[in-house]
Amino acid sequence: MASDQQGLPAPYATARVALDATATNATKVTLPTWCHTFTVTFLTSGEAATTGEISHTGTDGAAMGTGAFPLASGATIALQVRDRASAGGTVDVYLICGGASGFAQIICEAGY
């Protein structure tokens, strides 16, 4: 169920990422190589705000580890995933949604 977002166009892009049908299982999201800042919020399949978790480690389709950062329902978090001097290489994030068959709404932004 991994979601490769490397094809998104720079300098910013939004995407809706379908997450694992099991609420406790992680979905690996591969960010574009130009992405420096990553923003995420979580939605249920009915488009309502819900809780979620994010981690820099995990296994796609498996339960999320205890080190994941929890997000409250309706919350949004922006993370710098690379510094402005670095580019290239892949960055993976692991996401779970508080509800089964939920979605992550993401924004990827380039650093200038």
PDB file of N, CA and C in Angstrom:
ATOM      1  N   MET A   1       0.821  -1.192   0.000  1.00  0.00           N
ATOM      2  CA  MET A   1       0.000   0.000   0.000  1.00  0.00           C
ATOM      3  C   MET A   1       0.865   1.255   0.000  1.00  0.00           C
ATOM      4  N   ALA A   2       2.163   1.122  -0.177  1.00  0.00           N
ATOM      5  CA  ALA A   2       3.058   2.272  -0.199  1.00  0.00           C
ATOM      6  C   ALA A   2       2.597   3.275  -1.250  1.00  0.00           C
ATOM      7  N   SER A   3       2.918   4.523  -1.019  1.00  0.00           N
ATOM      8  CA  SER A   3       2.496   5.595  -1.915  1.00  0.00           C
ATOM      9  C   SER A   3       3.702   6.412  -2.338  1.00  0.00           C
ATOM     10  N   ASP A   4       4.104   6.276  -3.596  1.00  0.00           N
ATOM     11  CA  ASP A   4       5.266   6.993  -4.120  1.00  0.00           C
ATOM     12  C   ASP A   4       4.812   8.322  -4.693  1.00  0.00           C
ATOM     13  N   GLN A   5       5.216   9.405  -4.064  1.00  0.00           N
ATOM     14  CA  GLN A   5       4.812  10.748  -4.490  1.00  0.00           C
ATOM     15  C   GLN A   5       5.933  11.481  -5.218  1.00  0.00           C
ATOM     16  N   GLN A   6       6.959  10.760  -5.688  1.00  0.00           N
ATOM     17  CA  GLN A   6       8.113  11.395  -6.321  1.00  0.00           C
ATOM     18  C   GLN A   6       7.775  12.117  -7.620  1.00  0.00           C
ATOM     19  N   GLY A   7       6.658  11.796  -8.236  1.00  0.00           N
ATOM     20  CA  GLY A   7       6.286  12.428  -9.496  1.00  0.00           C
ATOM     21  C   GLY A   7       5.561  13.755  -9.351  1.00  0.00           C
ATOM     22  N   LEU A   8       5.333  14.211  -8.120  1.00  0.00           N
ATOM     23  CA  LEU A   8       4.654  15.498  -7.932  1.00  0.00           C
ATOM     24  C   LEU A   8       5.494  16.634  -8.498  1.00  0.00           C
ATOM     25  N   PRO A   9       4.861  17.639  -9.102  1.00  0.00           N
ATOM     26  CA  PRO A   9       5.613  18.749  -9.698  1.00  0.00           C
ATOM     27  C   PRO A   9       6.080  19.765  -8.644  1.00  0.00           C
ATOM     28  N   ALA A  10       7.293  20.283  -8.831  1.00  0.00           N
ATOM     29  CA  ALA A  10       7.834  21.333  -7.943  1.00  0.00           C
ATOM     30  C   ALA A  10       7.279  22.680  -8.394  1.00  0.00           C
ATOM     31  N   PRO A  11       7.279  23.733  -7.620  1.00  0.00           N
ATOM     32  CA  PRO A  11       7.915  23.893  -6.309  1.00  0.00           C
ATOM     33  C   PRO A  11       7.011  23.530  -5.139  1.00  0.00           C
ATOM     34  N   TYR A  12       5.738  23.272  -5.371  1.00  0.00           N
ATOM     35  CA  TYR A  12       4.875  22.763  -4.305  1.00  0.00           C
ATOM     36  C   TYR A  12       3.784  21.926  -4.947  1.00  0.00           C
ATOM     37  N   ALA A  13       3.263  21.016  -4.159  1.00  0.00           N
ATOM     38  CA  ALA A  13       2.204  20.147  -4.680  1.00  0.00           C
ATOM     39  C   ALA A  13       1.393  19.604  -3.515  1.00  0.00           C
ATOM     40  N   THR A  14       0.136  19.325  -3.797  1.00  0.00           N
ATOM     41  CA  THR A  14      -0.728  18.679  -2.813  1.00  0.00           C
ATOM     42  C   THR A  14      -1.106  17.302  -3.330  1.00  0.00           C
ATOM     43  N   ALA A  15      -1.394  16.408  -2.408  1.00  0.00           N
ATOM     44  CA  ALA A  15      -1.822  15.065  -2.798  1.00  0.00           C
ATOM     45  C   ALA A  15      -2.695  14.482  -1.702  1.00  0.00           C
ATOM     46  N   ARG A  16      -3.599  13.642  -2.116  1.00  0.00           N
ATOM     47  CA  ARG A  16      -4.446  12.888  -1.188  1.00  0.00           C
ATOM     48  C   ARG A  16      -3.946  11.458  -1.246  1.00  0.00           C
ATOM     49  N   VAL A  17      -3.513  10.943  -0.107  1.00  0.00           N
ATOM     50  CA  VAL A  17      -2.899   9.623  -0.045  1.00  0.00           C
ATOM     51  C   VAL A  17      -3.820   8.676   0.713  1.00  0.00           C
ATOM     52  N   ALA A  18      -4.255   7.608   0.054  1.00  0.00           N
ATOM     53  CA  ALA A  18      -5.060   6.580   0.712  1.00  0.00           C
ATOM     54  C   ALA A  18      -4.169   5.797   1.664  1.00  0.00           C
ATOM     55  N   LEU A  19      -4.626   5.655   2.910  1.00  0.00           N
ATOM     56  CA  LEU A  19      -3.849   4.940   3.911  1.00  0.00           C
ATOM     57  C   LEU A  19      -4.376   3.522   4.085  1.00  0.00           C
ATOM     58  N   ASP A  20      -3.622   2.719   4.808  1.00  0.00           N
ATOM     59  CA  ASP A  20      -3.952   1.310   4.990  1.00  0.00           C
ATOM     60  C   ASP A  20      -5.385   1.140   5.519  1.00  0.00           C
ATOM     61  N   ALA A  21      -6.062   0.117   5.052  1.00  0.00           N
ATOM     62  CA  ALA A  21      -7.447  -0.133   5.468  1.00  0.00           C
ATOM     63  C   ALA A  21      -7.542  -0.507   6.944  1.00  0.00           C
ATOM     64  N   THR A  22      -6.442  -0.953   7.531  1.00  0.00           N
ATOM     65  CA  THR A  22      -6.396  -1.239   8.962  1.00  0.00           C
ATOM     66  C   THR A  22      -5.819  -0.013   9.657  1.00  0.00           C
ATOM     67  N   ALA A  23      -6.580   0.572  10.562  1.00  0.00           N
ATOM     68  CA  ALA A  23      -6.209   1.852  11.166  1.00  0.00           C
ATOM     69  C   ALA A  23      -4.866   1.836  11.880  1.00  0.00           C
ATOM     70  N   THR A  24      -4.407   0.705  12.374  1.00  0.00           N
ATOM     71  CA  THR A  24      -3.139   0.662  13.110  1.00  0.00           C
ATOM     72  C   THR A  24      -1.934   0.344  12.234  1.00  0.00           C
ATOM     73  N   ASN A  25      -2.153   0.105  10.943  1.00  0.00           N
ATOM     74  CA  ASN A  25      -1.055  -0.246  10.044  1.00  0.00           C
ATOM     75  C   ASN A  25      -0.530   0.977   9.299  1.00  0.00           C
ATOM     76  N   ALA A  26       0.783   1.037   9.174  1.00  0.00           N
ATOM     77  CA  ALA A  26       1.451   2.170   8.542  1.00  0.00           C
ATOM     78  C   ALA A  26       1.384   2.095   7.016  1.00  0.00           C
ATOM     79  N   THR A  27       1.382   3.272   6.402  1.00  0.00           N
ATOM     80  CA  THR A  27       1.541   3.401   4.957  1.00  0.00           C
ATOM     81  C   THR A  27       2.810   4.201   4.722  1.00  0.00           C
ATOM     82  N   LYS A  28       3.722   3.648   3.936  1.00  0.00           N
ATOM     83  CA  LYS A  28       4.967   4.327   3.594  1.00  0.00           C
ATOM     84  C   LYS A  28       4.691   5.315   2.469  1.00  0.00           C
ATOM     85  N   VAL A  29       5.077   6.569   2.666  1.00  0.00           N
ATOM     86  CA  VAL A  29       4.919   7.606   1.650  1.00  0.00           C
ATOM     87  C   VAL A  29       6.316   8.096   1.278  1.00  0.00           C
ATOM     88  N   THR A  30       6.693   7.947   0.010  1.00  0.00           N
ATOM     89  CA  THR A  30       7.983   8.422  -0.471  1.00  0.00           C
ATOM     90  C   THR A  30       7.796   9.807  -1.057  1.00  0.00           C
ATOM     91  N   LEU A  31       8.502  10.778  -0.491  1.00  0.00           N
ATOM     92  CA  LEU A  31       8.360  12.178  -0.898  1.00  0.00           C
ATOM     93  C   LEU A  31       9.234  12.490  -2.107  1.00  0.00           C
ATOM     94  N   PRO A  32       8.874  13.524  -2.879  1.00  0.00           N
ATOM     95  CA  PRO A  32       9.704  13.925  -4.021  1.00  0.00           C
ATOM     96  C   PRO A  32      11.100  14.348  -3.551  1.00  0.00           C
ATOM     97  N   THR A  33      12.096  14.172  -4.406  1.00  0.00           N
ATOM     98  CA  THR A  33      13.469  14.533  -4.045  1.00  0.00           C
ATOM     99  C   THR A  33      13.626  16.034  -3.816  1.00  0.00           C
ATOM    100  N   TRP A  34      12.740  16.855  -4.366  1.00  0.00           N
ATOM    101  CA  TRP A  34      12.826  18.304  -4.191  1.00  0.00           C
ATOM    102  C   TRP A  34      12.098  18.778  -2.931  1.00  0.00           C
ATOM    103  N   CYS A  35      11.395  17.901  -2.251  1.00  0.00           N
ATOM    104  CA  CYS A  35      10.587  18.289  -1.088  1.00  0.00           C
ATOM    105  C   CYS A  35      11.465  18.582   0.127  1.00  0.00           C
ATOM    106  N   HIS A  36      11.349  19.801   0.639  1.00  0.00           N
ATOM    107  CA  HIS A  36      12.076  20.187   1.849  1.00  0.00           C
ATOM    108  C   HIS A  36      11.139  20.280   3.050  1.00  0.00           C
ATOM    109  N   THR A  37       9.894  20.692   2.828  1.00  0.00           N
ATOM    110  CA  THR A  37       8.918  20.793   3.910  1.00  0.00           C
ATOM    111  C   THR A  37       7.693  19.963   3.538  1.00  0.00           C
ATOM    112  N   PHE A  38       7.258  19.163   4.488  1.00  0.00           N
ATOM    113  CA  PHE A  38       6.142  18.232   4.302  1.00  0.00           C
ATOM    114  C   PHE A  38       5.075  18.576   5.337  1.00  0.00           C
ATOM    115  N   THR A  39       3.838  18.794   4.886  1.00  0.00           N
ATOM    116  CA  THR A  39       2.725  19.113   5.770  1.00  0.00           C
ATOM    117  C   THR A  39       1.667  18.029   5.611  1.00  0.00           C
ATOM    118  N   VAL A  40       1.052  17.618   6.733  1.00  0.00           N
ATOM    119  CA  VAL A  40       0.055  16.546   6.660  1.00  0.00           C
ATOM    120  C   VAL A  40      -1.080  16.792   7.648  1.00  0.00           C
ATOM    121  N   THR A  41      -2.273  16.372   7.251  1.00  0.00           N
ATOM    122  CA  THR A  41      -3.434  16.281   8.126  1.00  0.00           C
ATOM    123  C   THR A  41      -4.169  14.998   7.739  1.00  0.00           C
ATOM    124  N   PHE A  42      -5.008  14.501   8.633  1.00  0.00           N
ATOM    125  CA  PHE A  42      -5.660  13.209   8.409  1.00  0.00           C
ATOM    126  C   PHE A  42      -7.172  13.360   8.315  1.00  0.00           C
ATOM    127  N   LEU A  43      -7.771  12.561   7.401  1.00  0.00           N
ATOM    128  CA  LEU A  43      -9.212  12.579   7.169  1.00  0.00           C
ATOM    129  C   LEU A  43      -9.753  11.148   7.159  1.00  0.00           C
ATOM    130  N   THR A  44     -10.982  10.981   7.610  1.00  0.00           N
ATOM    131  CA  THR A  44     -11.642   9.678   7.491  1.00  0.00           C
ATOM    132  C   THR A  44     -12.101   9.499   6.053  1.00  0.00           C
ATOM    133  N   SER A  45     -12.585   8.312   5.737  1.00  0.00           N
ATOM    134  CA  SER A  45     -13.105   8.064   4.384  1.00  0.00           C
ATOM    135  C   SER A  45     -14.326   8.931   4.106  1.00  0.00           C
ATOM    136  N   GLY A  46     -14.978   9.438   5.151  1.00  0.00           N
ATOM    137  CA  GLY A  46     -16.120  10.334   5.007  1.00  0.00           C
ATOM    138  C   GLY A  46     -15.740  11.807   5.002  1.00  0.00           C
ATOM    139  N   GLU A  47     -14.443  12.101   4.880  1.00  0.00           N
ATOM    140  CA  GLU A  47     -13.906  13.467   4.800  1.00  0.00           C
ATOM    141  C   GLU A  47     -13.921  14.241   6.115  1.00  0.00           C
ATOM    142  N   ALA A  48     -14.148  13.575   7.240  1.00  0.00           N
ATOM    143  CA  ALA A  48     -14.114  14.247   8.542  1.00  0.00           C
ATOM    144  C   ALA A  48     -12.688  14.215   9.083  1.00  0.00           C
ATOM    145  N   ALA A  49     -12.328  15.227   9.862  1.00  0.00           N
ATOM    146  CA  ALA A  49     -11.013  15.255  10.495  1.00  0.00           C
ATOM    147  C   ALA A  49     -10.891  14.083  11.462  1.00  0.00           C
ATOM    148  N   THR A  50      -9.700  13.521  11.565  1.00  0.00           N
ATOM    149  CA  THR A  50      -9.454  12.414  12.482  1.00  0.00           C
ATOM    150  C   THR A  50      -8.033  12.470  12.999  1.00  0.00           C
ATOM    151  N   THR A  51      -7.731  11.634  13.943  1.00  0.00           N
ATOM    152  CA  THR A  51      -6.384  11.551  14.487  1.00  0.00           C
ATOM    153  C   THR A  51      -5.465  10.834  13.507  1.00  0.00           C
ATOM    154  N   GLY A  52      -4.175  10.936  13.744  1.00  0.00           N
ATOM    155  CA  GLY A  52      -3.203  10.241  12.930  1.00  0.00           C
ATOM    156  C   GLY A  52      -1.876  10.161  13.653  1.00  0.00           C
ATOM    157  N   GLU A  53      -0.934   9.472  13.047  1.00  0.00           N
ATOM    158  CA  GLU A  53       0.416   9.368  13.587  1.00  0.00           C
ATOM    159  C   GLU A  53       1.394   9.424  12.433  1.00  0.00           C
ATOM    160  N   ILE A  54       2.589   9.951  12.732  1.00  0.00           N
ATOM    161  CA  ILE A  54       3.640  10.073  11.730  1.00  0.00           C
ATOM    162  C   ILE A  54       4.961   9.615  12.333  1.00  0.00           C
ATOM    163  N   SER A  55       5.772   8.949  11.514  1.00  0.00           N
ATOM    164  CA  SER A  55       7.078   8.481  11.959  1.00  0.00           C
ATOM    165  C   SER A  55       8.048   8.495  10.784  1.00  0.00           C
ATOM    166  N   HIS A  56       9.336   8.557  11.085  1.00  0.00           N
ATOM    167  CA  HIS A  56      10.354   8.469  10.040  1.00  0.00           C
ATOM    168  C   HIS A  56      10.835   7.028   9.843  1.00  0.00           C
ATOM    169  N   THR A  57      10.356   6.125  10.690  1.00  0.00           N
ATOM    170  CA  THR A  57      10.697   4.712  10.540  1.00  0.00           C
ATOM    171  C   THR A  57       9.420   3.878  10.587  1.00  0.00           C
ATOM    172  N   GLY A  58       9.489   2.712  10.023  1.00  0.00           N
ATOM    173  CA  GLY A  58       8.343   1.816  10.038  1.00  0.00           C
ATOM    174  C   GLY A  58       8.433   0.788   8.936  1.00  0.00           C
ATOM    175  N   THR A  59       7.371   0.035   8.786  1.00  0.00           N
ATOM    176  CA  THR A  59       7.253  -0.966   7.728  1.00  0.00           C
ATOM    177  C   THR A  59       5.882  -0.810   7.100  1.00  0.00           C
ATOM    178  N   ASP A  60       5.850  -0.665   5.801  1.00  0.00           N
ATOM    179  CA  ASP A  60       4.583  -0.502   5.091  1.00  0.00           C
ATOM    180  C   ASP A  60       3.685  -1.708   5.349  1.00  0.00           C
ATOM    181  N   GLY A  61       2.447  -1.442   5.777  1.00  0.00           N
ATOM    182  CA  GLY A  61       1.480  -2.502   6.001  1.00  0.00           C
ATOM    183  C   GLY A  61       1.569  -3.170   7.361  1.00  0.00           C
ATOM    184  N   ALA A  62       2.500  -2.722   8.207  1.00  0.00           N
ATOM    185  CA  ALA A  62       2.658  -3.309   9.541  1.00  0.00           C
ATOM    186  C   ALA A  62       2.263  -2.289  10.603  1.00  0.00           C
ATOM    187  N   ALA A  63       2.073  -2.763  11.816  1.00  0.00           N
ATOM    188  CA  ALA A  63       1.703  -1.877  12.922  1.00  0.00           C
ATOM    189  C   ALA A  63       2.789  -0.822  13.139  1.00  0.00           C
ATOM    190  N   MET A  64       2.368   0.390  13.468  1.00  0.00           N
ATOM    191  CA  MET A  64       3.287   1.496  13.722  1.00  0.00           C
ATOM    192  C   MET A  64       3.953   1.280  15.073  1.00  0.00           C
ATOM    193  N   GLY A  65       5.215   1.637  15.158  1.00  0.00           N
ATOM    194  CA  GLY A  65       5.967   1.505  16.399  1.00  0.00           C
ATOM    195  C   GLY A  65       5.536   2.523  17.444  1.00  0.00           C
ATOM    196  N   THR A  66       6.069   2.379  18.635  1.00  0.00           N
ATOM    197  CA  THR A  66       5.697   3.251  19.744  1.00  0.00           C
ATOM    198  C   THR A  66       6.316   4.636  19.641  1.00  0.00           C
ATOM    199  N   GLY A  67       7.280   4.843  18.766  1.00  0.00           N
ATOM    200  CA  GLY A  67       7.944   6.139  18.642  1.00  0.00           C
ATOM    201  C   GLY A  67       7.239   7.113  17.705  1.00  0.00           C
ATOM    202  N   ALA A  68       6.078   6.761  17.201  1.00  0.00           N
ATOM    203  CA  ALA A  68       5.354   7.630  16.270  1.00  0.00           C
ATOM    204  C   ALA A  68       4.812   8.856  16.986  1.00  0.00           C
ATOM    205  N   PHE A  69       4.737   9.965  16.262  1.00  0.00           N
ATOM    206  CA  PHE A  69       4.223  11.212  16.819  1.00  0.00           C
ATOM    207  C   PHE A  69       2.718  11.282  16.569  1.00  0.00           C
ATOM    208  N   PRO A  70       1.899  11.425  17.621  1.00  0.00           N
ATOM    209  CA  PRO A  70       0.437  11.468  17.442  1.00  0.00           C
ATOM    210  C   PRO A  70      -0.041  12.866  17.063  1.00  0.00           C
ATOM    211  N   LEU A  71      -1.032  12.932  16.207  1.00  0.00           N
ATOM    212  CA  LEU A  71      -1.690  14.188  15.853  1.00  0.00           C
ATOM    213  C   LEU A  71      -3.142  14.123  16.303  1.00  0.00           C
ATOM    214  N   ALA A  72      -3.595  15.180  16.956  1.00  0.00           N
ATOM    215  CA  ALA A  72      -4.985  15.264  17.395  1.00  0.00           C
ATOM    216  C   ALA A  72      -5.899  15.435  16.186  1.00  0.00           C
ATOM    217  N   SER A  73      -7.145  15.107  16.346  1.00  0.00           N
ATOM    218  CA  SER A  73      -8.135  15.265  15.283  1.00  0.00           C
ATOM    219  C   SER A  73      -8.179  16.717  14.814  1.00  0.00           C
ATOM    220  N   GLY A  74      -8.044  16.926  13.524  1.00  0.00           N
ATOM    221  CA  GLY A  74      -8.089  18.262  12.946  1.00  0.00           C
ATOM    222  C   GLY A  74      -6.759  18.988  12.953  1.00  0.00           C
ATOM    223  N   ALA A  75      -5.742  18.404  13.555  1.00  0.00           N
ATOM    224  CA  ALA A  75      -4.428  19.047  13.622  1.00  0.00           C
ATOM    225  C   ALA A  75      -3.671  18.875  12.304  1.00  0.00           C
ATOM    226  N   THR A  76      -2.760  19.798  12.067  1.00  0.00           N
ATOM    227  CA  THR A  76      -1.873  19.758  10.914  1.00  0.00           C
ATOM    228  C   THR A  76      -0.456  19.945  11.432  1.00  0.00           C
ATOM    229  N   ILE A  77       0.490  19.243  10.834  1.00  0.00           N
ATOM    230  CA  ILE A  77       1.885  19.413  11.220  1.00  0.00           C
ATOM    231  C   ILE A  77       2.722  19.611   9.970  1.00  0.00           C
ATOM    232  N   ALA A  78       3.672  20.539  10.046  1.00  0.00           N
ATOM    233  CA  ALA A  78       4.631  20.776   8.971  1.00  0.00           C
ATOM    234  C   ALA A  78       6.010  20.397   9.487  1.00  0.00           C
ATOM    235  N   LEU A  79       6.715  19.597   8.718  1.00  0.00           N
ATOM    236  CA  LEU A  79       8.041  19.130   9.106  1.00  0.00           C
ATOM    237  C   LEU A  79       9.049  19.448   8.022  1.00  0.00           C
ATOM    238  N   GLN A  80      10.208  19.942   8.433  1.00  0.00           N
ATOM    239  CA  GLN A  80      11.307  20.123   7.487  1.00  0.00           C
ATOM    240  C   GLN A  80      11.995  18.777   7.365  1.00  0.00           C
ATOM    241  N   VAL A  81      11.977  18.197   6.173  1.00  0.00           N
ATOM    242  CA  VAL A  81      12.538  16.862   5.980  1.00  0.00           C
ATOM    243  C   VAL A  81      13.938  16.895   5.377  1.00  0.00           C
ATOM    244  N   ARG A  82      14.369  18.047   4.905  1.00  0.00           N
ATOM    245  CA  ARG A  82      15.732  18.258   4.405  1.00  0.00           C
ATOM    246  C   ARG A  82      16.106  19.697   4.690  1.00  0.00           C
ATOM    247  N   ASP A  83      17.409  19.961   4.804  1.00  0.00           N
ATOM    248  CA  ASP A  83      17.815  21.359   4.921  1.00  0.00           C
ATOM    249  C   ASP A  83      17.927  21.952   3.519  1.00  0.00           C
ATOM    250  N   ARG A  84      18.051  23.245   3.426  1.00  0.00           N
ATOM    251  CA  ARG A  84      18.047  23.922   2.122  1.00  0.00           C
ATOM    252  C   ARG A  84      19.252  23.567   1.265  1.00  0.00           C
ATOM    253  N   ALA A  85      20.334  23.131   1.878  1.00  0.00           N
ATOM    254  CA  ALA A  85      21.548  22.822   1.124  1.00  0.00           C
ATOM    255  C   ALA A  85      21.508  21.431   0.497  1.00  0.00           C
ATOM    256  N   SER A  86      20.695  20.538   1.046  1.00  0.00           N
ATOM    257  CA  SER A  86      20.694  19.169   0.526  1.00  0.00           C
ATOM    258  C   SER A  86      19.571  18.967  -0.481  1.00  0.00           C
ATOM    259  N   ALA A  87      19.811  18.071  -1.374  1.00  0.00           N
ATOM    260  CA  ALA A  87      18.807  17.711  -2.377  1.00  0.00           C
ATOM    261  C   ALA A  87      19.070  16.271  -2.788  1.00  0.00           C
ATOM    262  N   GLY A  88      18.103  15.700  -3.454  1.00  0.00           N
ATOM    263  CA  GLY A  88      18.261  14.346  -3.946  1.00  0.00           C
ATOM    264  C   GLY A  88      18.049  13.312  -2.857  1.00  0.00           C
ATOM    265  N   GLY A  89      18.020  12.063  -3.275  1.00  0.00           N
ATOM    266  CA  GLY A  89      17.773  10.989  -2.325  1.00  0.00           C
ATOM    267  C   GLY A  89      16.302  10.974  -1.932  1.00  0.00           C
ATOM    268  N   THR A  90      15.858   9.845  -1.495  1.00  0.00           N
ATOM    269  CA  THR A  90      14.455   9.740  -1.112  1.00  0.00           C
ATOM    270  C   THR A  90      14.284   9.950   0.384  1.00  0.00           C
ATOM    271  N   VAL A  91      13.141  10.480   0.754  1.00  0.00           N
ATOM    272  CA  VAL A  91      12.736  10.602   2.145  1.00  0.00           C
ATOM    273  C   VAL A  91      11.397   9.884   2.255  1.00  0.00           C
ATOM    274  N   ASP A  92      11.330   8.957   3.198  1.00  0.00           N
ATOM    275  CA  ASP A  92      10.100   8.222   3.445  1.00  0.00           C
ATOM    276  C   ASP A  92       9.519   8.653   4.781  1.00  0.00           C
ATOM    277  N   VAL A  93       8.200   8.785   4.832  1.00  0.00           N
ATOM    278  CA  VAL A  93       7.491   8.986   6.084  1.00  0.00           C
ATOM    279  C   VAL A  93       6.450   7.870   6.187  1.00  0.00           C
ATOM    280  N   TYR A  94       6.112   7.525   7.410  1.00  0.00           N
ATOM    281  CA  TYR A  94       5.140   6.470   7.659  1.00  0.00           C
ATOM    282  C   TYR A  94       3.954   7.081   8.376  1.00  0.00           C
ATOM    283  N   LEU A  95       2.764   6.836   7.852  1.00  0.00           N
ATOM    284  CA  LEU A  95       1.552   7.473   8.350  1.00  0.00           C
ATOM    285  C   LEU A  95       0.504   6.426   8.712  1.00  0.00           C
ATOM    286  N   ILE A  96      -0.244   6.698   9.793  1.00  0.00           N
ATOM    287  CA  ILE A  96      -1.449   5.925  10.071  1.00  0.00           C
ATOM    288  C   ILE A  96      -2.565   6.900  10.399  1.00  0.00           C
ATOM    289  N   CYS A  97      -3.766   6.484  10.090  1.00  0.00           N
ATOM    290  CA  CYS A  97      -4.962   7.293  10.307  1.00  0.00           C
ATOM    291  C   CYS A  97      -5.753   6.697  11.454  1.00  0.00           C
ATOM    292  N   GLY A  98      -6.404   7.550  12.227  1.00  0.00           N
ATOM    293  CA  GLY A  98      -7.199   7.089  13.354  1.00  0.00           C
ATOM    294  C   GLY A  98      -8.405   6.259  12.958  1.00  0.00           C
ATOM    295  N   GLY A  99      -8.822   6.354  11.730  1.00  0.00           N
ATOM    296  CA  GLY A  99      -9.966   5.583  11.254  1.00  0.00           C
ATOM    297  C   GLY A  99      -9.556   4.652  10.127  1.00  0.00           C
ATOM    298  N   ALA A 100     -10.190   3.516  10.024  1.00  0.00           N
ATOM    299  CA  ALA A 100      -9.891   2.571   8.950  1.00  0.00           C
ATOM    300  C   ALA A 100     -10.194   3.199   7.593  1.00  0.00           C
ATOM    301  N   SER A 101      -9.373   2.884   6.618  1.00  0.00           N
ATOM    302  CA  SER A 101      -9.527   3.371   5.237  1.00  0.00           C
ATOM    303  C   SER A 101      -9.538   4.893   5.159  1.00  0.00           C
ATOM    304  N   GLY A 102      -8.722   5.545   5.973  1.00  0.00           N
ATOM    305  CA  GLY A 102      -8.638   7.000   5.961  1.00  0.00           C
ATOM    306  C   GLY A 102      -7.670   7.509   4.917  1.00  0.00           C
ATOM    307  N   PHE A 103      -7.455   8.821   4.940  1.00  0.00           N
ATOM    308  CA  PHE A 103      -6.585   9.481   3.977  1.00  0.00           C
ATOM    309  C   PHE A 103      -5.666  10.458   4.698  1.00  0.00           C
ATOM    310  N   ALA A 104      -4.555  10.751   4.059  1.00  0.00           N
ATOM    311  CA  ALA A 104      -3.684  11.833   4.492  1.00  0.00           C
ATOM    312  C   ALA A 104      -3.725  12.881   3.386  1.00  0.00           C
ATOM    313  N   GLN A 105      -3.960  14.115   3.760  1.00  0.00           N
ATOM    314  CA  GLN A 105      -3.862  15.225   2.794  1.00  0.00           C
ATOM    315  C   GLN A 105      -2.482  15.826   3.026  1.00  0.00           C
ATOM    316  N   ILE A 106      -1.632  15.823   1.989  1.00  0.00           N
ATOM    317  CA  ILE A 106      -0.267  16.293   2.170  1.00  0.00           C
ATOM    318  C   ILE A 106       0.048  17.474   1.267  1.00  0.00           C
ATOM    319  N   ILE A 107       1.030  18.249   1.714  1.00  0.00           N
ATOM    320  CA  ILE A 107       1.603  19.333   0.907  1.00  0.00           C
ATOM    321  C   ILE A 107       3.112  19.134   0.939  1.00  0.00           C
ATOM    322  N   CYS A 108       3.733  19.153  -0.233  1.00  0.00           N
ATOM    323  CA  CYS A 108       5.184  19.101  -0.345  1.00  0.00           C
ATOM    324  C   CYS A 108       5.639  20.456  -0.885  1.00  0.00           C
ATOM    325  N   GLU A 109       6.656  21.033  -0.234  1.00  0.00           N
ATOM    326  CA  GLU A 109       7.166  22.341  -0.650  1.00  0.00           C
ATOM    327  C   GLU A 109       8.680  22.248  -0.863  1.00  0.00           C
ATOM    328  N   ALA A 110       9.145  22.902  -1.925  1.00  0.00           N
ATOM    329  CA  ALA A 110      10.578  22.961  -2.196  1.00  0.00           C
ATOM    330  C   ALA A 110      11.191  24.036  -1.295  1.00  0.00           C
ATOM    331  N   GLY A 111      12.467  23.904  -1.030  1.00  0.00           N
ATOM    332  CA  GLY A 111      13.185  24.911  -0.238  1.00  0.00           C
ATOM    333  C   GLY A 111      14.010  25.786  -1.151  1.00  0.00           C
ATOM    334  N   TYR A 112      13.873  27.080  -0.980  1.00  0.00           N
ATOM    335  CA  TYR A 112      14.644  28.020  -1.808  1.00  0.00           C
ATOM    336  C   TYR A 112      15.437  28.938  -0.942  1.00  0.00           C
TER     337      TYR A 112
END
